Amino acid sequence: LFVASKNTSYPLKPVAIQLGHTPTSAVHTPHESSFFWWTVAKRYINNADGLTSQIVHHLVNTHLVSEAFAVAMIRQLPQMHPVYQILKFHFEGLIAINTMGF
């Protein structure tokens, strides 16, 4: 749960984090008696956000989409084609990187 603030540096301020999906899951706040669990909950959310960023935005939207164009270029364009000559440097090693990533 976030609250909007007028501070431009931090427009959203977290006020509560529930890590579970069930209604009985604990809700962690910065005003708990144990500040440790609030810190753990924030780190959990930061980790989940980082993984989402890397898997969805970087892997899928960059590598896997580009691989389709690289394969199409290799299969459909002759090596002397001007577009092939321009793109070959951009796609160099892409398929190998994607194969090692899985």
Protein backbone atom coordinates (compact mmCIF):
# COMPACT_ATOMS: atom_id res chain seq x y z
CA LEU A 1 0.00 0.00 0.00
CA PHE A 2 1.40 3.38 -1.00
CA VAL A 3 0.46 6.94 -0.21
CA ALA A 4 1.05 9.80 -2.65
CA SER A 5 3.20 12.64 -1.38
CA LYS A 6 4.02 16.06 -2.76
CA ASN A 7 7.75 15.29 -2.52
CA THR A 8 8.99 15.07 -6.11
CA SER A 9 11.94 12.84 -5.18
CA TYR A 10 9.70 10.13 -3.73
CA PRO A 11 6.16 10.57 -5.11
CA LEU A 12 4.97 7.23 -3.63
CA LYS A 13 5.73 6.30 -0.05
CA PRO A 14 5.18 2.70 1.13
CA VAL A 15 3.04 2.46 4.25
CA ALA A 16 2.19 -1.27 4.35
CA ILE A 17 3.43 -4.47 2.68
CA GLN A 18 1.61 -7.81 2.65
CA LEU A 19 3.86 -10.57 1.34
CA GLY A 20 1.27 -13.37 1.22
CA HIS A 21 -1.76 -13.77 -1.00
CA THR A 22 -4.21 -14.92 1.66
CA PRO A 23 -6.30 -12.58 3.83
CA THR A 24 -4.60 -13.98 6.94
CA SER A 25 -1.08 -13.08 5.75
CA ALA A 26 0.74 -10.61 7.95
CA VAL A 27 0.81 -6.95 6.97
CA HIS A 28 4.12 -5.21 7.71
CA THR A 29 4.32 -1.47 8.43
CA PRO A 30 7.21 0.87 9.29
CA HIS A 31 5.62 1.46 12.72
CA GLU A 32 5.79 -2.18 13.83
CA SER A 33 7.44 -3.06 17.11
CA SER A 34 10.01 -5.02 15.09
CA PHE A 35 11.60 -2.83 12.44
CA PHE A 36 13.39 -5.97 11.18
CA TRP A 37 10.27 -7.37 9.47
CA TRP A 38 9.56 -4.06 7.74
CA THR A 39 13.11 -4.09 6.35
CA VAL A 40 12.75 -7.72 5.24
CA ALA A 41 9.44 -6.92 3.50
CA LYS A 42 10.97 -3.93 1.67
CA ARG A 43 13.91 -6.04 0.50
CA TYR A 44 11.53 -8.76 -0.66
CA ILE A 45 9.62 -6.22 -2.78
CA ASN A 46 12.84 -4.71 -4.17
CA ASN A 47 14.07 -8.17 -5.15
CA ALA A 48 10.76 -9.03 -6.84
CA ASP A 49 10.83 -5.72 -8.72
CA GLY A 50 14.40 -6.34 -9.87
CA LEU A 51 13.58 -9.85 -11.08
CA THR A 52 10.54 -8.57 -12.96
CA SER A 53 12.65 -5.89 -14.57
CA GLN A 54 15.34 -8.34 -15.68
CA ILE A 55 13.07 -11.16 -16.83
CA VAL A 56 10.20 -9.27 -18.42
CA HIS A 57 11.67 -6.02 -19.60
CA HIS A 58 15.21 -7.08 -20.44
CA LEU A 59 15.07 -10.77 -21.39
CA VAL A 60 11.72 -10.89 -23.14
CA ASN A 61 11.47 -7.40 -24.61
CA THR A 62 15.12 -7.27 -25.69
CA HIS A 63 16.71 -10.66 -26.23
CA LEU A 64 13.79 -12.88 -27.23
CA VAL A 65 12.14 -10.34 -29.52
CA SER A 66 15.47 -9.56 -31.18
CA GLU A 67 16.16 -13.25 -31.68
CA ALA A 68 13.11 -13.58 -33.94
CA PHE A 69 14.47 -10.84 -36.19
CA ALA A 70 17.98 -12.33 -36.14
CA VAL A 71 16.69 -15.75 -37.21
CA ALA A 72 14.52 -14.20 -39.91
CA MET A 73 17.47 -12.18 -41.19
CA ILE A 74 19.73 -15.25 -41.35
CA ARG A 75 17.09 -17.34 -43.13
CA GLN A 76 15.66 -14.80 -45.56
CA LEU A 77 18.36 -12.30 -46.51
CA PRO A 78 21.44 -13.13 -48.56
CA GLN A 79 24.72 -12.27 -46.85
CA MET A 80 25.46 -9.56 -49.39
CA HIS A 81 22.17 -7.72 -48.76
CA PRO A 82 22.75 -4.20 -47.34
CA VAL A 83 20.30 -4.75 -44.46
CA TYR A 84 22.07 -7.99 -43.57
CA GLN A 85 25.41 -6.15 -43.55
CA ILE A 86 24.05 -3.50 -41.17
CA LEU A 87 22.24 -5.84 -38.78
CA LYS A 88 24.82 -8.61 -38.52
CA PHE A 89 26.85 -6.59 -36.00
CA HIS A 90 23.77 -5.95 -33.85
CA PHE A 91 22.77 -9.62 -33.79
CA GLU A 92 26.29 -11.01 -33.35
CA GLY A 93 26.27 -13.53 -30.49
CA LEU A 94 22.59 -12.94 -29.67
CA ILE A 95 21.42 -16.52 -30.29
CA ALA A 96 24.39 -17.92 -28.33
CA ILE A 97 23.67 -15.61 -25.39
CA ASN A 98 19.98 -16.55 -25.41
CA THR A 99 20.86 -20.26 -25.54
CA MET A 100 23.24 -19.94 -22.59
CA GLY A 101 20.68 -17.87 -20.67
CA PHE A 102 18.18 -20.71 -20.62
